[in-house]
Amino acid sequence: MDFINSFSDFPGGLQFYWIVALAASVVFVIQAVMTFIGFDSDADLDGGGADFDADGFHIVSVKTLTCFLLGFGWTGVLFWNLITSRLALGFIAGAVGLLFMLLIALLLRQVMRLNKDNTFNARQTVGMSAEVYLRIPPKRSETGKITVSVNGSIHELEALNASDEIIPTGGKVRIVDVVEGDTVLVEKI
């Protein structure tokens, strides 16, 4: 109760920073608890109503705004007695708030990249060049094997030859179609 009694004795600016800091801290804790229990959606504050954030990266959202207010408020409280110029304190608190906001936005962006589906699909390879791993007989008579690089990963695929000549091991081919599953149709380059 001593803090509440002395709060009314604080200068108006310090009261403002305390209110912002405490309110932002409460919202931050609620957001953290909701995230840990699995209820994690963030509203995008784009001016056209609140859209729930599906891709996880918006510079201005409830999470980033909370972090701005957290940095702003606590900087104001902690540096009130150290920085005598209230204008300078306001600019410094605002800069720290913006830094908090940008850092959390970048962190959310990185976390959302982890959720990205990087499942390989043979359709991604159509039009790409590849190297023959096991020779490919002519006229789609039998399959051979090729290796192709997709998004930095090497994939080995069954391949059928669209031409009338054998494509030897080490030959270069272009993938022209997906025949079935991970079996592709290739032509010699």
N, C-alpha and C. Protein backbone atom coordinates (compact mmCIF):
# COMPACT_ATOMS: atom_id res chain seq x y z
N MET A 1 0.82 -1.20 0.00
CA MET A 1 0.00 0.00 0.00
C MET A 1 0.86 1.26 0.00
N ASP A 2 2.10 1.12 0.42
CA ASP A 2 2.99 2.28 0.48
C ASP A 2 3.21 2.86 -0.91
N PHE A 3 3.34 1.95 -1.94
CA PHE A 3 3.54 2.43 -3.31
C PHE A 3 2.33 3.21 -3.80
N ILE A 4 1.12 2.70 -3.51
CA ILE A 4 -0.10 3.36 -3.97
C ILE A 4 -0.23 4.74 -3.32
N ASN A 5 0.08 4.85 -2.04
CA ASN A 5 0.01 6.15 -1.37
C ASN A 5 1.03 7.12 -1.94
N SER A 6 2.24 6.65 -2.21
CA SER A 6 3.26 7.54 -2.73
C SER A 6 3.10 7.80 -4.22
N PHE A 7 2.33 6.95 -4.94
CA PHE A 7 2.10 7.15 -6.37
C PHE A 7 1.48 8.51 -6.66
N SER A 8 0.57 8.93 -5.83
CA SER A 8 -0.08 10.24 -6.03
C SER A 8 0.90 11.40 -5.83
N ASP A 9 2.02 11.14 -5.15
CA ASP A 9 3.04 12.18 -4.97
C ASP A 9 4.01 12.26 -6.15
N PHE A 10 3.98 11.27 -7.05
CA PHE A 10 4.87 11.29 -8.22
C PHE A 10 4.48 12.42 -9.16
N PRO A 11 5.43 12.99 -9.91
CA PRO A 11 5.09 13.97 -10.95
C PRO A 11 4.22 13.30 -12.01
N GLY A 12 3.44 14.10 -12.70
CA GLY A 12 2.50 13.58 -13.71
C GLY A 12 3.17 12.73 -14.77
N GLY A 13 4.36 13.14 -15.25
CA GLY A 13 5.07 12.37 -16.28
C GLY A 13 5.49 11.00 -15.78
N LEU A 14 5.96 10.93 -14.56
CA LEU A 14 6.38 9.66 -13.99
C LEU A 14 5.17 8.75 -13.78
N GLN A 15 4.05 9.32 -13.37
CA GLN A 15 2.82 8.53 -13.23
C GLN A 15 2.42 7.93 -14.58
N PHE A 16 2.53 8.76 -15.62
CA PHE A 16 2.20 8.29 -16.97
C PHE A 16 3.08 7.09 -17.36
N TYR A 17 4.39 7.21 -17.16
CA TYR A 17 5.30 6.11 -17.50
C TYR A 17 4.98 4.86 -16.69
N TRP A 18 4.67 5.02 -15.39
CA TRP A 18 4.32 3.88 -14.55
C TRP A 18 3.05 3.19 -15.06
N ILE A 19 2.05 3.99 -15.40
CA ILE A 19 0.78 3.41 -15.89
C ILE A 19 1.01 2.63 -17.18
N VAL A 20 1.76 3.23 -18.12
CA VAL A 20 2.05 2.55 -19.39
C VAL A 20 2.84 1.27 -19.13
N ALA A 21 3.87 1.36 -18.29
CA ALA A 21 4.72 0.20 -18.01
C ALA A 21 3.94 -0.94 -17.36
N LEU A 22 3.12 -0.61 -16.36
CA LEU A 22 2.37 -1.66 -15.66
C LEU A 22 1.28 -2.27 -16.55
N ALA A 23 0.56 -1.42 -17.29
CA ALA A 23 -0.49 -1.94 -18.18
C ALA A 23 0.12 -2.83 -19.27
N ALA A 24 1.23 -2.38 -19.86
CA ALA A 24 1.89 -3.19 -20.90
C ALA A 24 2.43 -4.49 -20.32
N SER A 25 2.92 -4.44 -19.09
CA SER A 25 3.43 -5.66 -18.45
C SER A 25 2.32 -6.67 -18.22
N VAL A 26 1.15 -6.20 -17.79
CA VAL A 26 0.01 -7.09 -17.57
C VAL A 26 -0.42 -7.73 -18.89
N VAL A 27 -0.53 -6.92 -19.95
CA VAL A 27 -0.92 -7.46 -21.25
C VAL A 27 0.13 -8.44 -21.76
N PHE A 28 1.40 -8.11 -21.57
CA PHE A 28 2.50 -8.99 -22.00
C PHE A 28 2.42 -10.35 -21.29
N VAL A 29 2.19 -10.33 -19.99
CA VAL A 29 2.08 -11.58 -19.23
C VAL A 29 0.88 -12.39 -19.72
N ILE A 30 -0.24 -11.73 -19.95
CA ILE A 30 -1.43 -12.44 -20.47
C ILE A 30 -1.12 -13.06 -21.82
N GLN A 31 -0.46 -12.30 -22.71
CA GLN A 31 -0.10 -12.85 -24.02
C GLN A 31 0.82 -14.05 -23.88
N ALA A 32 1.79 -13.97 -22.96
CA ALA A 32 2.72 -15.07 -22.77
C ALA A 32 2.00 -16.32 -22.27
N VAL A 33 1.11 -16.15 -21.31
CA VAL A 33 0.36 -17.28 -20.78
C VAL A 33 -0.52 -17.89 -21.88
N MET A 34 -1.19 -17.05 -22.65
CA MET A 34 -2.04 -17.55 -23.74
C MET A 34 -1.22 -18.29 -24.78
N THR A 35 -0.02 -17.82 -25.05
CA THR A 35 0.86 -18.51 -26.00
C THR A 35 1.24 -19.88 -25.47
N PHE A 36 1.59 -19.96 -24.20
CA PHE A 36 2.02 -21.24 -23.63
C PHE A 36 0.88 -22.24 -23.52
N ILE A 37 -0.36 -21.79 -23.37
CA ILE A 37 -1.48 -22.75 -23.29
C ILE A 37 -2.06 -23.05 -24.67
N GLY A 38 -1.53 -22.41 -25.71
CA GLY A 38 -1.93 -22.75 -27.06
C GLY A 38 -2.91 -21.80 -27.71
N PHE A 39 -3.33 -20.78 -27.04
CA PHE A 39 -4.23 -19.81 -27.65
C PHE A 39 -3.39 -18.63 -28.11
N ASP A 40 -2.90 -18.73 -29.34
CA ASP A 40 -1.96 -17.72 -29.82
C ASP A 40 -2.42 -17.17 -31.15
N SER A 41 -3.18 -16.12 -31.13
CA SER A 41 -3.51 -15.40 -32.35
C SER A 41 -3.24 -13.93 -32.07
N ASP A 42 -2.87 -13.23 -33.12
CA ASP A 42 -2.47 -11.85 -32.98
C ASP A 42 -3.27 -11.03 -33.96
N ALA A 43 -3.86 -9.95 -33.52
CA ALA A 43 -4.63 -9.09 -34.41
C ALA A 43 -3.70 -8.12 -35.11
N ASP A 44 -3.91 -7.98 -36.41
CA ASP A 44 -3.14 -7.04 -37.20
C ASP A 44 -3.86 -5.70 -37.16
N LEU A 45 -3.17 -4.66 -36.74
CA LEU A 45 -3.78 -3.35 -36.62
C LEU A 45 -3.47 -2.53 -37.87
N ASP A 46 -4.22 -2.81 -38.95
CA ASP A 46 -3.94 -2.12 -40.21
C ASP A 46 -4.90 -0.98 -40.48
N GLY A 47 -5.76 -0.66 -39.57
CA GLY A 47 -6.68 0.45 -39.76
C GLY A 47 -7.99 0.02 -40.39
N GLY A 48 -8.04 -1.13 -41.02
CA GLY A 48 -9.25 -1.60 -41.67
C GLY A 48 -9.95 -2.64 -40.85
N GLY A 49 -9.87 -2.58 -39.59
CA GLY A 49 -10.44 -3.60 -38.72
C GLY A 49 -9.35 -4.56 -38.31
N ALA A 50 -9.66 -5.43 -37.39
CA ALA A 50 -8.65 -6.37 -36.90
C ALA A 50 -8.76 -7.67 -37.67
N ASP A 51 -7.73 -7.99 -38.42
CA ASP A 51 -7.64 -9.27 -39.11
C ASP A 51 -6.73 -10.15 -38.28
N PHE A 52 -7.11 -11.41 -38.10
CA PHE A 52 -6.22 -12.27 -37.34
C PHE A 52 -5.02 -12.61 -38.19
N ASP A 53 -3.88 -12.54 -37.57
CA ASP A 53 -2.60 -12.66 -38.23
C ASP A 53 -2.32 -14.13 -38.53
N ALA A 54 -2.32 -14.48 -39.82
CA ALA A 54 -2.08 -15.87 -40.19
C ALA A 54 -0.61 -16.14 -40.50
N ASP A 55 0.09 -15.15 -41.02
CA ASP A 55 1.47 -15.40 -41.42
C ASP A 55 2.47 -15.00 -40.36
N GLY A 56 2.04 -14.39 -39.26
CA GLY A 56 2.92 -14.13 -38.14
C GLY A 56 3.81 -12.91 -38.24
N PHE A 57 3.74 -12.17 -39.34
CA PHE A 57 4.66 -11.05 -39.45
C PHE A 57 3.93 -9.79 -39.86
N HIS A 58 3.67 -8.96 -38.90
CA HIS A 58 3.16 -7.62 -39.13
C HIS A 58 3.92 -6.72 -38.19
N ILE A 59 4.43 -5.62 -38.72
CA ILE A 59 5.19 -4.70 -37.87
C ILE A 59 4.29 -4.15 -36.77
N VAL A 60 3.05 -3.80 -37.13
CA VAL A 60 2.13 -3.27 -36.13
C VAL A 60 1.05 -4.31 -35.86
N SER A 61 1.13 -4.91 -34.68
CA SER A 61 0.15 -5.90 -34.24
C SER A 61 0.00 -5.73 -32.74
N VAL A 62 -0.89 -6.47 -32.15
CA VAL A 62 -1.09 -6.37 -30.71
C VAL A 62 0.21 -6.73 -29.97
N LYS A 63 0.89 -7.78 -30.43
CA LYS A 63 2.13 -8.20 -29.76
C LYS A 63 3.21 -7.13 -29.88
N THR A 64 3.40 -6.61 -31.08
CA THR A 64 4.48 -5.63 -31.26
C THR A 64 4.14 -4.31 -30.58
N LEU A 65 2.88 -3.92 -30.58
CA LEU A 65 2.47 -2.70 -29.89
C LEU A 65 2.66 -2.86 -28.38
N THR A 66 2.35 -4.03 -27.85
CA THR A 66 2.58 -4.30 -26.43
C THR A 66 4.06 -4.18 -26.11
N CYS A 67 4.91 -4.71 -26.97
CA CYS A 67 6.36 -4.62 -26.73
C CYS A 67 6.84 -3.18 -26.82
N PHE A 68 6.27 -2.40 -27.75
CA PHE A 68 6.63 -0.98 -27.81
C PHE A 68 6.31 -0.29 -26.49
N LEU A 69 5.09 -0.50 -26.01
CA LEU A 69 4.66 0.14 -24.76
C LEU A 69 5.47 -0.36 -23.56
N LEU A 70 5.85 -1.63 -23.59
CA LEU A 70 6.68 -2.20 -22.53
C LEU A 70 8.04 -1.49 -22.49
N GLY A 71 8.69 -1.38 -23.64
CA GLY A 71 9.99 -0.70 -23.70
C GLY A 71 9.88 0.78 -23.38
N PHE A 72 8.85 1.42 -23.91
CA PHE A 72 8.62 2.85 -23.68
C PHE A 72 8.39 3.14 -22.20
N GLY A 73 7.45 2.42 -21.62
CA GLY A 73 7.06 2.67 -20.22
C GLY A 73 8.18 2.40 -19.24
N TRP A 74 8.81 1.25 -19.35
CA TRP A 74 9.87 0.91 -18.40
C TRP A 74 11.12 1.77 -18.58
N THR A 75 11.40 2.18 -19.80
CA THR A 75 12.53 3.11 -20.00
C THR A 75 12.24 4.43 -19.31
N GLY A 76 11.01 4.92 -19.46
CA GLY A 76 10.62 6.15 -18.79
C GLY A 76 10.72 6.06 -17.28
N VAL A 77 10.27 4.94 -16.72
CA VAL A 77 10.32 4.74 -15.26
C VAL A 77 11.77 4.66 -14.78
N LEU A 78 12.56 3.83 -15.46
CA LEU A 78 13.92 3.57 -14.99
C LEU A 78 14.87 4.75 -15.16
N PHE A 79 14.64 5.58 -16.17
CA PHE A 79 15.56 6.69 -16.43
C PHE A 79 15.00 8.04 -15.99
N TRP A 80 13.87 8.06 -15.31
CA TRP A 80 13.24 9.31 -14.88
C TRP A 80 14.21 10.19 -14.08
N ASN A 81 14.91 9.59 -13.14
CA ASN A 81 15.83 10.37 -12.29
C ASN A 81 17.19 10.60 -12.93
N LEU A 82 17.52 9.83 -13.98
CA LEU A 82 18.83 9.96 -14.62
C LEU A 82 18.85 10.99 -15.74
N ILE A 83 17.73 11.12 -16.44
CA ILE A 83 17.64 12.05 -17.57
C ILE A 83 16.72 13.19 -17.16
N THR A 84 17.29 14.36 -16.97
CA THR A 84 16.49 15.48 -16.46
C THR A 84 15.64 16.13 -17.54
N SER A 85 16.06 16.08 -18.78
CA SER A 85 15.26 16.64 -19.86
C SER A 85 14.13 15.67 -20.19
N ARG A 86 12.89 16.10 -19.95
CA ARG A 86 11.73 15.23 -20.18
C ARG A 86 11.53 14.95 -21.67
N LEU A 87 11.89 15.92 -22.52
CA LEU A 87 11.79 15.71 -23.97
C LEU A 87 12.79 14.64 -24.41
N ALA A 88 14.03 14.74 -23.92
CA ALA A 88 15.04 13.73 -24.26
C ALA A 88 14.62 12.36 -23.75
N LEU A 89 14.06 12.31 -22.53
CA LEU A 89 13.59 11.04 -21.99
C LEU A 89 12.49 10.45 -22.87
N GLY A 90 11.59 11.30 -23.34
CA GLY A 90 10.52 10.83 -24.21
C GLY A 90 11.05 10.25 -25.52
N PHE A 91 12.06 10.92 -26.10
CA PHE A 91 12.66 10.41 -27.34
C PHE A 91 13.40 9.10 -27.10
N ILE A 92 14.13 9.03 -26.01
CA ILE A 92 14.87 7.80 -25.69
C ILE A 92 13.90 6.66 -25.41
N ALA A 93 12.85 6.94 -24.63
CA ALA A 93 11.85 5.91 -24.33
C ALA A 93 11.17 5.45 -25.63
N GLY A 94 10.85 6.40 -26.51
CA GLY A 94 10.24 6.04 -27.80
C GLY A 94 11.18 5.20 -28.66
N ALA A 95 12.47 5.54 -28.66
CA ALA A 95 13.45 4.76 -29.43
C ALA A 95 13.58 3.35 -28.89
N VAL A 96 13.62 3.22 -27.57
CA VAL A 96 13.70 1.88 -26.97
C VAL A 96 12.43 1.10 -27.29
N GLY A 97 11.28 1.76 -27.23
CA GLY A 97 10.01 1.10 -27.59
C GLY A 97 10.02 0.62 -29.03
N LEU A 98 10.50 1.46 -29.95
CA LEU A 98 10.58 1.05 -31.35
C LEU A 98 11.54 -0.13 -31.54
N LEU A 99 12.65 -0.09 -30.81
CA LEU A 99 13.60 -1.20 -30.87
C LEU A 99 12.94 -2.50 -30.39
N PHE A 100 12.22 -2.43 -29.27
CA PHE A 100 11.50 -3.61 -28.77
C PHE A 100 10.51 -4.10 -29.82
N MET A 101 9.79 -3.17 -30.43
CA MET A 101 8.77 -3.50 -31.41
C MET A 101 9.38 -4.20 -32.63
N LEU A 102 10.48 -3.67 -33.14
CA LEU A 102 11.13 -4.27 -34.30
C LEU A 102 11.74 -5.62 -33.96
N LEU A 103 12.34 -5.74 -32.79
CA LEU A 103 12.94 -7.01 -32.40
C LEU A 103 11.90 -8.11 -32.27
N ILE A 104 10.75 -7.80 -31.67
CA ILE A 104 9.72 -8.84 -31.52
C ILE A 104 9.12 -9.17 -32.89
N ALA A 105 8.98 -8.18 -33.78
CA ALA A 105 8.46 -8.46 -35.13
C ALA A 105 9.42 -9.38 -35.88
N LEU A 106 10.71 -9.12 -35.78
CA LEU A 106 11.69 -9.99 -36.45
C LEU A 106 11.72 -11.38 -35.82
N LEU A 107 11.60 -11.44 -34.50
CA LEU A 107 11.55 -12.74 -33.83
C LEU A 107 10.32 -13.53 -34.27
N LEU A 108 9.18 -12.89 -34.33
CA LEU A 108 7.96 -13.57 -34.78
C LEU A 108 8.11 -14.06 -36.21
N ARG A 109 8.75 -13.26 -37.05
CA ARG A 109 8.97 -13.65 -38.45
C ARG A 109 9.83 -14.92 -38.51
N GLN A 110 10.89 -14.97 -37.71
CA GLN A 110 11.75 -16.15 -37.70
C GLN A 110 11.01 -17.38 -37.18
N VAL A 111 10.22 -17.20 -36.15
CA VAL A 111 9.46 -18.32 -35.60
C VAL A 111 8.46 -18.84 -36.63
N MET A 112 7.82 -17.94 -37.37
CA MET A 112 6.84 -18.37 -38.37
C MET A 112 7.51 -19.12 -39.51
N ARG A 113 8.77 -18.83 -39.79
CA ARG A 113 9.49 -19.59 -40.81
C ARG A 113 9.63 -21.06 -40.42
N LEU A 114 9.70 -21.32 -39.12
CA LEU A 114 9.79 -22.69 -38.65
C LEU A 114 8.51 -23.47 -38.94
N ASN A 115 7.39 -22.77 -39.01
CA ASN A 115 6.10 -23.41 -39.28
C ASN A 115 5.86 -23.66 -40.76
N LYS A 116 6.71 -23.13 -41.62
CA LYS A 116 6.53 -23.24 -43.07
C LYS A 116 6.64 -24.70 -43.50
N ASP A 117 5.76 -25.11 -44.39
CA ASP A 117 5.76 -26.47 -44.90
C ASP A 117 6.81 -26.59 -46.01
N ASN A 118 7.88 -27.31 -45.73
CA ASN A 118 8.94 -27.51 -46.71
C ASN A 118 8.92 -28.93 -47.27
N THR A 119 7.75 -29.53 -47.30
CA THR A 119 7.60 -30.87 -47.85
C THR A 119 7.93 -30.85 -49.33
N PHE A 120 8.74 -31.81 -49.75
CA PHE A 120 9.14 -31.89 -51.16
C PHE A 120 7.98 -32.35 -52.01
N ASN A 121 7.83 -31.72 -53.16
CA ASN A 121 6.83 -32.10 -54.14
C ASN A 121 7.54 -32.14 -55.50
N ALA A 122 7.44 -33.27 -56.19
CA ALA A 122 8.12 -33.44 -57.47
C ALA A 122 7.70 -32.39 -58.49
N ARG A 123 6.50 -31.84 -58.38
CA ARG A 123 6.03 -30.80 -59.30
C ARG A 123 6.94 -29.56 -59.29
N GLN A 124 7.62 -29.34 -58.16
CA GLN A 124 8.53 -28.20 -58.05
C GLN A 124 9.70 -28.31 -59.03
N THR A 125 10.01 -29.52 -59.48
CA THR A 125 11.20 -29.73 -60.29
C THR A 125 10.97 -29.52 -61.77
N VAL A 126 9.73 -29.45 -62.22
CA VAL A 126 9.45 -29.31 -63.65
C VAL A 126 10.12 -28.03 -64.16
N GLY A 127 10.90 -28.22 -65.25
CA GLY A 127 11.65 -27.11 -65.84
C GLY A 127 13.07 -27.00 -65.33
N MET A 128 13.39 -27.72 -64.27
CA MET A 128 14.74 -27.66 -63.69
C MET A 128 15.67 -28.63 -64.41
N SER A 129 16.96 -28.34 -64.33
CA SER A 129 17.94 -29.28 -64.87
C SER A 129 18.41 -30.19 -63.74
N ALA A 130 18.86 -31.38 -64.13
CA ALA A 130 19.29 -32.39 -63.16
C ALA A 130 20.42 -33.20 -63.76
N GLU A 131 21.03 -34.03 -62.92
CA GLU A 131 22.12 -34.90 -63.36
C GLU A 131 21.66 -36.34 -63.25
N VAL A 132 22.02 -37.13 -64.27
CA VAL A 132 21.64 -38.54 -64.28
C VAL A 132 22.53 -39.29 -63.29
N TYR A 133 21.90 -40.02 -62.38
CA TYR A 133 22.59 -40.79 -61.35
C TYR A 133 22.75 -42.24 -61.82
N LEU A 134 21.69 -42.83 -62.35
CA LEU A 134 21.72 -44.14 -62.99
C LEU A 134 21.15 -43.98 -64.40
N ARG A 135 21.85 -44.53 -65.39
CA ARG A 135 21.46 -44.33 -66.79
C ARG A 135 19.97 -44.52 -67.00
N ILE A 136 19.45 -43.79 -67.99
CA ILE A 136 18.01 -43.83 -68.25
C ILE A 136 17.80 -44.42 -69.65
N PRO A 137 17.20 -45.61 -69.72
CA PRO A 137 16.95 -46.25 -71.03
C PRO A 137 15.99 -45.41 -71.89
N PRO A 138 16.02 -45.61 -73.23
CA PRO A 138 15.18 -44.80 -74.14
C PRO A 138 13.71 -45.18 -74.10
N LYS A 139 12.90 -44.30 -74.68
CA LYS A 139 11.47 -44.51 -74.98
C LYS A 139 10.62 -44.94 -73.78
N ARG A 140 10.93 -44.43 -72.63
CA ARG A 140 10.15 -44.72 -71.42
C ARG A 140 10.08 -46.22 -71.11
N SER A 141 11.08 -46.98 -71.55
CA SER A 141 11.03 -48.44 -71.36
C SER A 141 11.29 -48.84 -69.92
N GLU A 142 12.24 -48.18 -69.27
CA GLU A 142 12.55 -48.44 -67.86
C GLU A 142 12.93 -47.12 -67.21
N THR A 143 12.94 -47.14 -65.89
CA THR A 143 13.35 -45.92 -65.19
C THR A 143 14.83 -45.94 -64.89
N GLY A 144 15.39 -44.77 -64.82
CA GLY A 144 16.73 -44.55 -64.32
C GLY A 144 16.59 -43.63 -63.12
N LYS A 145 17.68 -43.04 -62.70
CA LYS A 145 17.60 -42.12 -61.55
C LYS A 145 18.35 -40.84 -61.86
N ILE A 146 17.80 -39.75 -61.31
CA ILE A 146 18.44 -38.45 -61.43
C ILE A 146 18.57 -37.83 -60.04
N THR A 147 19.45 -36.85 -59.94
CA THR A 147 19.53 -36.04 -58.72
C THR A 147 19.26 -34.60 -59.12
N VAL A 148 18.47 -33.93 -58.30
CA VAL A 148 18.10 -32.55 -58.56
C VAL A 148 18.15 -31.77 -57.25
N SER A 149 18.60 -30.53 -57.33
CA SER A 149 18.67 -29.68 -56.15
C SER A 149 17.45 -28.77 -56.11
N VAL A 150 16.71 -28.84 -54.99
CA VAL A 150 15.52 -28.00 -54.79
C VAL A 150 15.66 -27.33 -53.43
N ASN A 151 15.70 -26.00 -53.44
CA ASN A 151 15.81 -25.22 -52.20
C ASN A 151 17.00 -25.67 -51.34
N GLY A 152 18.10 -25.97 -51.98
CA GLY A 152 19.30 -26.33 -51.25
C GLY A 152 19.39 -27.78 -50.82
N SER A 153 18.39 -28.59 -51.15
CA SER A 153 18.39 -30.01 -50.80
C SER A 153 18.49 -30.84 -52.08
N ILE A 154 19.30 -31.89 -52.04
CA ILE A 154 19.44 -32.79 -53.18
C ILE A 154 18.40 -33.89 -53.05
N HIS A 155 17.65 -34.12 -54.14
CA HIS A 155 16.63 -35.16 -54.16
C HIS A 155 16.94 -36.15 -55.27
N GLU A 156 16.74 -37.41 -54.98
CA GLU A 156 16.94 -38.47 -55.97
C GLU A 156 15.56 -38.92 -56.44
N LEU A 157 15.36 -38.89 -57.76
CA LEU A 157 14.05 -39.23 -58.32
C LEU A 157 14.18 -40.30 -59.39
N GLU A 158 13.16 -41.11 -59.51
CA GLU A 158 13.05 -42.04 -60.64
C GLU A 158 12.76 -41.19 -61.87
N ALA A 159 13.35 -41.61 -63.03
CA ALA A 159 13.15 -40.81 -64.24
C ALA A 159 12.92 -41.70 -65.46
N LEU A 160 12.02 -41.25 -66.30
CA LEU A 160 11.77 -41.89 -67.60
C LEU A 160 12.31 -40.97 -68.68
N ASN A 161 12.81 -41.58 -69.77
CA ASN A 161 13.44 -40.85 -70.86
C ASN A 161 12.42 -40.60 -71.97
N ALA A 162 12.26 -39.36 -72.38
CA ALA A 162 11.32 -39.02 -73.45
C ALA A 162 11.93 -39.24 -74.83
N SER A 163 13.25 -39.41 -74.93
CA SER A 163 13.90 -39.52 -76.25
C SER A 163 14.15 -40.97 -76.65
N ASP A 164 14.76 -41.13 -77.84
CA ASP A 164 15.03 -42.46 -78.40
C ASP A 164 16.44 -42.95 -78.10
N GLU A 165 17.22 -42.24 -77.32
CA GLU A 165 18.59 -42.66 -77.02
C GLU A 165 18.81 -42.75 -75.51
N ILE A 166 19.71 -43.61 -75.12
CA ILE A 166 20.05 -43.78 -73.71
C ILE A 166 20.72 -42.50 -73.20
N ILE A 167 20.36 -42.11 -71.99
CA ILE A 167 21.04 -40.97 -71.36
C ILE A 167 21.97 -41.58 -70.30
N PRO A 168 23.29 -41.42 -70.49
CA PRO A 168 24.24 -42.10 -69.60
C PRO A 168 24.36 -41.42 -68.23
N THR A 169 24.93 -42.17 -67.28
CA THR A 169 25.23 -41.64 -65.96
C THR A 169 26.11 -40.40 -66.11
N GLY A 170 25.79 -39.37 -65.38
CA GLY A 170 26.54 -38.11 -65.45
C GLY A 170 26.00 -37.15 -66.48
N GLY A 171 25.06 -37.60 -67.32
CA GLY A 171 24.46 -36.73 -68.33
C GLY A 171 23.57 -35.67 -67.69
N LYS A 172 23.36 -34.60 -68.42
CA LYS A 172 22.49 -33.50 -67.95
C LYS A 172 21.13 -33.62 -68.63
N VAL A 173 20.08 -33.44 -67.83
CA VAL A 173 18.72 -33.52 -68.35
C VAL A 173 17.88 -32.37 -67.82
N ARG A 174 16.77 -32.13 -68.50
CA ARG A 174 15.77 -31.16 -68.03
C ARG A 174 14.51 -31.96 -67.72
N ILE A 175 13.90 -31.64 -66.59
CA ILE A 175 12.67 -32.32 -66.18
C ILE A 175 11.51 -31.63 -66.89
N VAL A 176 10.74 -32.43 -67.66
CA VAL A 176 9.66 -31.85 -68.45
C VAL A 176 8.27 -32.12 -67.87
N ASP A 177 8.14 -33.16 -67.04
CA ASP A 177 6.82 -33.47 -66.49
C ASP A 177 6.97 -34.44 -65.32
N VAL A 178 5.92 -34.54 -64.53
CA VAL A 178 5.85 -35.54 -63.48
C VAL A 178 4.89 -36.61 -63.98
N VAL A 179 5.39 -37.85 -64.04
CA VAL A 179 4.58 -38.93 -64.58
C VAL A 179 3.66 -39.49 -63.51
N GLU A 180 4.25 -39.85 -62.37
CA GLU A 180 3.46 -40.42 -61.29
C GLU A 180 4.28 -40.33 -60.00
N GLY A 181 3.69 -39.86 -58.93
CA GLY A 181 4.39 -39.74 -57.65
C GLY A 181 5.66 -38.94 -57.78
N ASP A 182 6.81 -39.60 -57.53
CA ASP A 182 8.11 -38.94 -57.65
C ASP A 182 8.86 -39.40 -58.90
N THR A 183 8.15 -39.94 -59.87
CA THR A 183 8.76 -40.34 -61.14
C THR A 183 8.54 -39.21 -62.13
N VAL A 184 9.65 -38.78 -62.78
CA VAL A 184 9.58 -37.64 -63.68
C VAL A 184 9.96 -38.05 -65.10
N LEU A 185 9.52 -37.27 -66.06
CA LEU A 185 9.88 -37.45 -67.46
C LEU A 185 10.96 -36.42 -67.77
N VAL A 186 12.07 -36.89 -68.38
CA VAL A 186 13.19 -36.00 -68.64
C VAL A 186 13.58 -36.02 -70.11
N GLU A 187 14.30 -34.98 -70.53
CA GLU A 187 14.88 -34.94 -71.87
C GLU A 187 16.32 -34.51 -71.75
N LYS A 188 17.18 -35.00 -72.64
CA LYS A 188 18.60 -34.67 -72.61
C LYS A 188 18.79 -33.21 -72.96
N ILE A 189 19.73 -32.58 -72.25
CA ILE A 189 20.04 -31.16 -72.55
C ILE A 189 21.15 -31.11 -73.58
